[in-house]
Amino acid sequence: SFGAWKNQGYHVKKGEHGLKIFMPCMRDKKDVNGNKILDKNGKPKQEIYAFKLGTVFETHQLVEYENLPKPVA
């Protein structure tokens, strides 16, 4: 998203439009008593309860595209 790129020090080119995608909304799973259900590592299990429309930007829409870190294969 725009904010995620900004937090990493990159800027979206002026006039670029983001792509609209459906993004999952997550929440902690709870049992019938309202207690969080934990996995084997002690972290709360997550579940998708809805989807919302979000805007994302691709790497070629950034000002500093040449300086982006290369993906690890």
PDB file of N, CA and C in Angstrom:
ATOM      1  N   SER A   1       0.836  -1.181   0.000  1.00  0.00           N
ATOM      2  CA  SER A   1       0.000   0.000   0.000  1.00  0.00           C
ATOM      3  C   SER A   1       0.883   1.246   0.000  1.00  0.00           C
ATOM      4  N   PHE A   2       0.260   2.379  -0.172  1.00  0.00           N
ATOM      5  CA  PHE A   2       0.995   3.641  -0.199  1.00  0.00           C
ATOM      6  C   PHE A   2       1.766   3.849   1.103  1.00  0.00           C
ATOM      7  N   GLY A   3       1.107   3.610   2.233  1.00  0.00           N
ATOM      8  CA  GLY A   3       1.744   3.803   3.531  1.00  0.00           C
ATOM      9  C   GLY A   3       2.902   2.854   3.767  1.00  0.00           C
ATOM     10  N   ALA A   4       2.769   1.613   3.304  1.00  0.00           N
ATOM     11  CA  ALA A   4       3.848   0.638   3.485  1.00  0.00           C
ATOM     12  C   ALA A   4       5.084   1.057   2.698  1.00  0.00           C
ATOM     13  N   TRP A   5       4.910   1.516   1.465  1.00  0.00           N
ATOM     14  CA  TRP A   5       6.060   1.977   0.680  1.00  0.00           C
ATOM     15  C   TRP A   5       6.677   3.213   1.327  1.00  0.00           C
ATOM     16  N   LYS A   6       5.843   4.115   1.822  1.00  0.00           N
ATOM     17  CA  LYS A   6       6.340   5.339   2.453  1.00  0.00           C
ATOM     18  C   LYS A   6       7.166   5.008   3.697  1.00  0.00           C
ATOM     19  N   ASN A   7       6.709   4.042   4.500  1.00  0.00           N
ATOM     20  CA  ASN A   7       7.447   3.632   5.699  1.00  0.00           C
ATOM     21  C   ASN A   7       8.800   3.028   5.361  1.00  0.00           C
ATOM     22  N   GLN A   8       8.933   2.442   4.158  1.00  0.00           N
ATOM     23  CA  GLN A   8      10.207   1.850   3.740  1.00  0.00           C
ATOM     24  C   GLN A   8      11.110   2.866   3.044  1.00  0.00           C
ATOM     25  N   GLY A   9      10.654   4.120   2.915  1.00  0.00           N
ATOM     26  CA  GLY A   9      11.488   5.159   2.344  1.00  0.00           C
ATOM     27  C   GLY A   9      11.317   5.380   0.851  1.00  0.00           C
ATOM     28  N   TYR A  10      10.285   4.829   0.238  1.00  0.00           N
ATOM     29  CA  TYR A  10      10.041   4.993  -1.191  1.00  0.00           C
ATOM     30  C   TYR A  10       8.838   5.903  -1.403  1.00  0.00           C
ATOM     31  N   HIS A  11       8.768   6.491  -2.604  1.00  0.00           N
ATOM     32  CA  HIS A  11       7.680   7.389  -2.927  1.00  0.00           C
ATOM     33  C   HIS A  11       7.008   6.931  -4.213  1.00  0.00           C
ATOM     34  N   VAL A  12       5.684   7.014  -4.243  1.00  0.00           N
ATOM     35  CA  VAL A  12       4.924   6.678  -5.439  1.00  0.00           C
ATOM     36  C   VAL A  12       5.025   7.857  -6.407  1.00  0.00           C
ATOM     37  N   LYS A  13       5.228   7.552  -7.709  1.00  0.00           N
ATOM     38  CA  LYS A  13       5.333   8.597  -8.716  1.00  0.00           C
ATOM     39  C   LYS A  13       4.050   9.418  -8.759  1.00  0.00           C
ATOM     40  N   LYS A  14       4.201  10.701  -9.007  1.00  0.00           N
ATOM     41  CA  LYS A  14       3.060  11.603  -9.084  1.00  0.00           C
ATOM     42  C   LYS A  14       2.162  11.189 -10.254  1.00  0.00           C
ATOM     43  N   GLY A  15       0.869  11.135  -9.997  1.00  0.00           N
ATOM     44  CA  GLY A  15      -0.105  10.788 -11.030  1.00  0.00           C
ATOM     45  C   GLY A  15      -0.386   9.306 -11.175  1.00  0.00           C
ATOM     46  N   GLU A  16       0.329   8.455 -10.444  1.00  0.00           N
ATOM     47  CA  GLU A  16       0.094   7.006 -10.528  1.00  0.00           C
ATOM     48  C   GLU A  16      -1.183   6.638  -9.789  1.00  0.00           C
ATOM     49  N   HIS A  17      -1.888   5.663 -10.325  1.00  0.00           N
ATOM     50  CA  HIS A  17      -3.099   5.157  -9.687  1.00  0.00           C
ATOM     51  C   HIS A  17      -2.827   3.737  -9.208  1.00  0.00           C
ATOM     52  N   GLY A  18      -3.261   3.435  -8.014  1.00  0.00           N
ATOM     53  CA  GLY A  18      -3.047   2.109  -7.455  1.00  0.00           C
ATOM     54  C   GLY A  18      -4.019   1.090  -8.016  1.00  0.00           C
ATOM     55  N   LEU A  19      -3.687  -0.164  -7.808  1.00  0.00           N
ATOM     56  CA  LEU A  19      -4.564  -1.270  -8.196  1.00  0.00           C
ATOM     57  C   LEU A  19      -5.496  -1.586  -7.042  1.00  0.00           C
ATOM     58  N   LYS A  20      -6.742  -1.852  -7.341  1.00  0.00           N
ATOM     59  CA  LYS A  20      -7.718  -2.203  -6.309  1.00  0.00           C
ATOM     60  C   LYS A  20      -7.749  -3.721  -6.156  1.00  0.00           C
ATOM     61  N   ILE A  21      -7.604  -4.182  -4.919  1.00  0.00           N
ATOM     62  CA  ILE A  21      -7.657  -5.614  -4.633  1.00  0.00           C
ATOM     63  C   ILE A  21      -8.523  -5.843  -3.393  1.00  0.00           C
ATOM     64  N   PHE A  22      -8.993  -7.068  -3.241  1.00  0.00           N
ATOM     65  CA  PHE A  22      -9.701  -7.441  -2.020  1.00  0.00           C
ATOM     66  C   PHE A  22      -8.681  -7.910  -1.000  1.00  0.00           C
ATOM     67  N   MET A  23      -8.724  -7.303   0.186  1.00  0.00           N
ATOM     68  CA  MET A  23      -7.782  -7.624   1.261  1.00  0.00           C
ATOM     69  C   MET A  23      -8.552  -8.283   2.404  1.00  0.00           C
ATOM     70  N   PRO A  24      -8.024  -9.379   2.966  1.00  0.00           N
ATOM     71  CA  PRO A  24      -8.737 -10.036   4.062  1.00  0.00           C
ATOM     72  C   PRO A  24      -8.647  -9.237   5.359  1.00  0.00           C
ATOM     73  N   CYS A  25      -9.730  -9.252   6.114  1.00  0.00           N
ATOM     74  CA  CYS A  25      -9.770  -8.673   7.460  1.00  0.00           C
ATOM     75  C   CYS A  25      -9.611  -9.834   8.435  1.00  0.00           C
ATOM     76  N   MET A  26      -8.613  -9.758   9.301  1.00  0.00           N
ATOM     77  CA  MET A  26      -8.294 -10.850  10.207  1.00  0.00           C
ATOM     78  C   MET A  26      -8.684 -10.496  11.640  1.00  0.00           C
ATOM     79  N   ARG A  27      -9.008 -11.531  12.408  1.00  0.00           N
ATOM     80  CA  ARG A  27      -9.247 -11.370  13.838  1.00  0.00           C
ATOM     81  C   ARG A  27      -8.853 -12.665  14.540  1.00  0.00           C
ATOM     82  N   ASP A  28      -8.661 -12.569  15.858  1.00  0.00           N
ATOM     83  CA  ASP A  28      -8.293 -13.746  16.642  1.00  0.00           C
ATOM     84  C   ASP A  28      -9.489 -14.682  16.756  1.00  0.00           C
ATOM     85  N   LYS A  29      -9.216 -15.994  16.627  1.00  0.00           N
ATOM     86  CA  LYS A  29     -10.260 -16.993  16.828  1.00  0.00           C
ATOM     87  C   LYS A  29     -10.569 -17.097  18.309  1.00  0.00           C
ATOM     88  N   LYS A  30     -11.852 -17.278  18.635  1.00  0.00           N
ATOM     89  CA  LYS A  30     -12.256 -17.425  20.033  1.00  0.00           C
ATOM     90  C   LYS A  30     -13.143 -18.646  20.182  1.00  0.00           C
ATOM     91  N   ASP A  31     -13.090 -19.249  21.385  1.00  0.00           N
ATOM     92  CA  ASP A  31     -13.959 -20.394  21.660  1.00  0.00           C
ATOM     93  C   ASP A  31     -15.336 -19.891  22.103  1.00  0.00           C
ATOM     94  N   VAL A  32     -16.223 -20.803  22.491  1.00  0.00           N
ATOM     95  CA  VAL A  32     -17.594 -20.429  22.863  1.00  0.00           C
ATOM     96  C   VAL A  32     -17.645 -19.554  24.106  1.00  0.00           C
ATOM     97  N   ASN A  33     -16.610 -19.576  24.934  1.00  0.00           N
ATOM     98  CA  ASN A  33     -16.570 -18.750  26.143  1.00  0.00           C
ATOM     99  C   ASN A  33     -15.936 -17.378  25.899  1.00  0.00           C
ATOM    100  N   GLY A  34     -15.471 -17.119  24.672  1.00  0.00           N
ATOM    101  CA  GLY A  34     -14.858 -15.840  24.361  1.00  0.00           C
ATOM    102  C   GLY A  34     -13.366 -15.784  24.605  1.00  0.00           C
ATOM    103  N   ASN A  35     -12.740 -16.926  24.918  1.00  0.00           N
ATOM    104  CA  ASN A  35     -11.294 -16.977  25.143  1.00  0.00           C
ATOM    105  C   ASN A  35     -10.576 -17.193  23.815  1.00  0.00           C
ATOM    106  N   LYS A  36      -9.407 -16.574  23.653  1.00  0.00           N
ATOM    107  CA  LYS A  36      -8.634 -16.733  22.434  1.00  0.00           C
ATOM    108  C   LYS A  36      -8.125 -18.162  22.318  1.00  0.00           C
ATOM    109  N   ILE A  37      -8.161 -18.693  21.098  1.00  0.00           N
ATOM    110  CA  ILE A  37      -7.625 -20.019  20.819  1.00  0.00           C
ATOM    111  C   ILE A  37      -6.167 -19.845  20.400  1.00  0.00           C
ATOM    112  N   LEU A  38      -5.260 -20.546  21.062  1.00  0.00           N
ATOM    113  CA  LEU A  38      -3.832 -20.425  20.797  1.00  0.00           C
ATOM    114  C   LEU A  38      -3.332 -21.621  19.996  1.00  0.00           C
ATOM    115  N   ASP A  39      -2.314 -21.380  19.154  1.00  0.00           N
ATOM    116  CA  ASP A  39      -1.692 -22.484  18.435  1.00  0.00           C
ATOM    117  C   ASP A  39      -0.625 -23.123  19.314  1.00  0.00           C
ATOM    118  N   LYS A  40       0.140 -24.074  18.773  1.00  0.00           N
ATOM    119  CA  LYS A  40       1.130 -24.796  19.578  1.00  0.00           C
ATOM    120  C   LYS A  40       2.283 -23.908  20.037  1.00  0.00           C
ATOM    121  N   ASN A  41       2.469 -22.744  19.400  1.00  0.00           N
ATOM    122  CA  ASN A  41       3.527 -21.808  19.791  1.00  0.00           C
ATOM    123  C   ASN A  41       3.036 -20.759  20.777  1.00  0.00           C
ATOM    124  N   GLY A  42       1.767 -20.802  21.132  1.00  0.00           N
ATOM    125  CA  GLY A  42       1.218 -19.855  22.078  1.00  0.00           C
ATOM    126  C   GLY A  42       0.709 -18.562  21.465  1.00  0.00           C
ATOM    127  N   LYS A  43       0.686 -18.486  20.130  1.00  0.00           N
ATOM    128  CA  LYS A  43       0.179 -17.298  19.452  1.00  0.00           C
ATOM    129  C   LYS A  43      -1.307 -17.496  19.132  1.00  0.00           C
ATOM    130  N   PRO A  44      -2.093 -16.422  19.163  1.00  0.00           N
ATOM    131  CA  PRO A  44      -3.522 -16.563  18.843  1.00  0.00           C
ATOM    132  C   PRO A  44      -3.717 -16.977  17.387  1.00  0.00           C
ATOM    133  N   LYS A  45      -4.631 -17.930  17.173  1.00  0.00           N
ATOM    134  CA  LYS A  45      -4.981 -18.332  15.815  1.00  0.00           C
ATOM    135  C   LYS A  45      -5.813 -17.223  15.190  1.00  0.00           C
ATOM    136  N   GLN A  46      -5.607 -17.002  13.893  1.00  0.00           N
ATOM    137  CA  GLN A  46      -6.306 -15.952  13.172  1.00  0.00           C
ATOM    138  C   GLN A  46      -7.338 -16.568  12.232  1.00  0.00           C
ATOM    139  N   GLU A  47      -8.405 -15.802  11.966  1.00  0.00           N
ATOM    140  CA  GLU A  47      -9.404 -16.222  11.001  1.00  0.00           C
ATOM    141  C   GLU A  47      -9.797 -15.025  10.151  1.00  0.00           C
ATOM    142  N   ILE A  48     -10.200 -15.304   8.910  1.00  0.00           N
ATOM    143  CA  ILE A  48     -10.700 -14.259   8.026  1.00  0.00           C
ATOM    144  C   ILE A  48     -12.189 -14.120   8.289  1.00  0.00           C
ATOM    145  N   TYR A  49     -12.627 -12.886   8.584  1.00  0.00           N
ATOM    146  CA  TYR A  49     -14.049 -12.684   8.840  1.00  0.00           C
ATOM    147  C   TYR A  49     -14.712 -11.813   7.781  1.00  0.00           C
ATOM    148  N   ALA A  50     -13.937 -11.139   6.925  1.00  0.00           N
ATOM    149  CA  ALA A  50     -14.499 -10.311   5.868  1.00  0.00           C
ATOM    150  C   ALA A  50     -13.392  -9.928   4.895  1.00  0.00           C
ATOM    151  N   PHE A  51     -13.771  -9.284   3.817  1.00  0.00           N
ATOM    152  CA  PHE A  51     -12.824  -8.723   2.866  1.00  0.00           C
ATOM    153  C   PHE A  51     -13.160  -7.256   2.664  1.00  0.00           C
ATOM    154  N   LYS A  52     -12.120  -6.448   2.443  1.00  0.00           N
ATOM    155  CA  LYS A  52     -12.333  -5.037   2.156  1.00  0.00           C
ATOM    156  C   LYS A  52     -11.549  -4.679   0.899  1.00  0.00           C
ATOM    157  N   LEU A  53     -11.938  -3.606   0.256  1.00  0.00           N
ATOM    158  CA  LEU A  53     -11.261  -3.160  -0.943  1.00  0.00           C
ATOM    159  C   LEU A  53     -10.077  -2.284  -0.542  1.00  0.00           C
ATOM    160  N   GLY A  54      -8.893  -2.619  -1.041  1.00  0.00           N
ATOM    161  CA  GLY A  54      -7.695  -1.866  -0.718  1.00  0.00           C
ATOM    162  C   GLY A  54      -6.943  -1.466  -1.975  1.00  0.00           C
ATOM    163  N   THR A  55      -6.072  -0.491  -1.855  1.00  0.00           N
ATOM    164  CA  THR A  55      -5.282   0.003  -2.979  1.00  0.00           C
ATOM    165  C   THR A  55      -3.822  -0.340  -2.757  1.00  0.00           C
ATOM    166  N   VAL A  56      -3.185  -0.915  -3.771  1.00  0.00           N
ATOM    167  CA  VAL A  56      -1.771  -1.273  -3.701  1.00  0.00           C
ATOM    168  C   VAL A  56      -1.047  -0.680  -4.905  1.00  0.00           C
ATOM    169  N   PHE A  57       0.267  -0.547  -4.776  1.00  0.00           N
ATOM    170  CA  PHE A  57       1.111  -0.017  -5.841  1.00  0.00           C
ATOM    171  C   PHE A  57       2.202  -1.019  -6.166  1.00  0.00           C
ATOM    172  N   GLU A  58       2.545  -1.138  -7.444  1.00  0.00           N
ATOM    173  CA  GLU A  58       3.604  -2.037  -7.882  1.00  0.00           C
ATOM    174  C   GLU A  58       4.946  -1.310  -7.835  1.00  0.00           C
ATOM    175  N   THR A  59       6.019  -2.072  -7.904  1.00  0.00           N
ATOM    176  CA  THR A  59       7.354  -1.495  -7.788  1.00  0.00           C
ATOM    177  C   THR A  59       7.673  -0.527  -8.919  1.00  0.00           C
ATOM    178  N   HIS A  60       7.148  -0.765 -10.132  1.00  0.00           N
ATOM    179  CA  HIS A  60       7.476   0.145 -11.234  1.00  0.00           C
ATOM    180  C   HIS A  60       6.763   1.490 -11.106  1.00  0.00           C
ATOM    181  N   GLN A  61       5.881   1.643 -10.129  1.00  0.00           N
ATOM    182  CA  GLN A  61       5.198   2.901  -9.892  1.00  0.00           C
ATOM    183  C   GLN A  61       5.927   3.773  -8.867  1.00  0.00           C
ATOM    184  N   LEU A  62       7.103   3.334  -8.435  1.00  0.00           N
ATOM    185  CA  LEU A  62       7.863   4.055  -7.421  1.00  0.00           C
ATOM    186  C   LEU A  62       8.926   4.942  -8.058  1.00  0.00           C
ATOM    187  N   VAL A  63       9.278   6.015  -7.372  1.00  0.00           N
ATOM    188  CA  VAL A  63      10.292   6.948  -7.859  1.00  0.00           C
ATOM    189  C   VAL A  63      11.661   6.288  -7.875  1.00  0.00           C
ATOM    190  N   GLU A  64      12.006   5.567  -6.824  1.00  0.00           N
ATOM    191  CA  GLU A  64      13.335   4.975  -6.687  1.00  0.00           C
ATOM    192  C   GLU A  64      13.304   3.492  -7.061  1.00  0.00           C
ATOM    193  N   TYR A  65      12.691   3.170  -8.192  1.00  0.00           N
ATOM    194  CA  TYR A  65      12.520   1.775  -8.606  1.00  0.00           C
ATOM    195  C   TYR A  65      13.865   1.072  -8.784  1.00  0.00           C
ATOM    196  N   GLU A  66      14.869   1.740  -9.307  1.00  0.00           N
ATOM    197  CA  GLU A  66      16.167   1.104  -9.567  1.00  0.00           C
ATOM    198  C   GLU A  66      16.868   0.688  -8.280  1.00  0.00           C
ATOM    199  N   ASN A  67      16.561   1.343  -7.166  1.00  0.00           N
ATOM    200  CA  ASN A  67      17.267   1.078  -5.910  1.00  0.00           C
ATOM    201  C   ASN A  67      16.538   0.091  -4.999  1.00  0.00           C
ATOM    202  N   LEU A  68      15.471  -0.524  -5.489  1.00  0.00           N
ATOM    203  CA  LEU A  68      14.741  -1.478  -4.654  1.00  0.00           C
ATOM    204  C   LEU A  68      15.576  -2.725  -4.413  1.00  0.00           C
ATOM    205  N   PRO A  69      15.451  -3.341  -3.251  1.00  0.00           N
ATOM    206  CA  PRO A  69      16.174  -4.598  -3.016  1.00  0.00           C
ATOM    207  C   PRO A  69      15.648  -5.692  -3.939  1.00  0.00           C
ATOM    208  N   LYS A  70      16.546  -6.547  -4.386  1.00  0.00           N
ATOM    209  CA  LYS A  70      16.166  -7.645  -5.284  1.00  0.00           C
ATOM    210  C   LYS A  70      15.496  -8.750  -4.486  1.00  0.00           C
ATOM    211  N   PRO A  71      14.416  -9.364  -5.032  1.00  0.00           N
ATOM    212  CA  PRO A  71      13.755 -10.453  -4.318  1.00  0.00           C
ATOM    213  C   PRO A  71      14.666 -11.668  -4.168  1.00  0.00           C
ATOM    214  N   VAL A  72      14.529 -12.352  -3.057  1.00  0.00           N
ATOM    215  CA  VAL A  72      15.318 -13.552  -2.790  1.00  0.00           C
ATOM    216  C   VAL A  72      14.553 -14.747  -3.327  1.00  0.00           C
ATOM    217  N   ALA A  73      15.202 -15.555  -4.132  1.00  0.00           N
ATOM    218  CA  ALA A  73      14.536 -16.711  -4.751  1.00  0.00           C
ATOM    219  C   ALA A  73      14.529 -17.900  -3.842  1.00  0.00           C
TER     220      ALA A  73
END
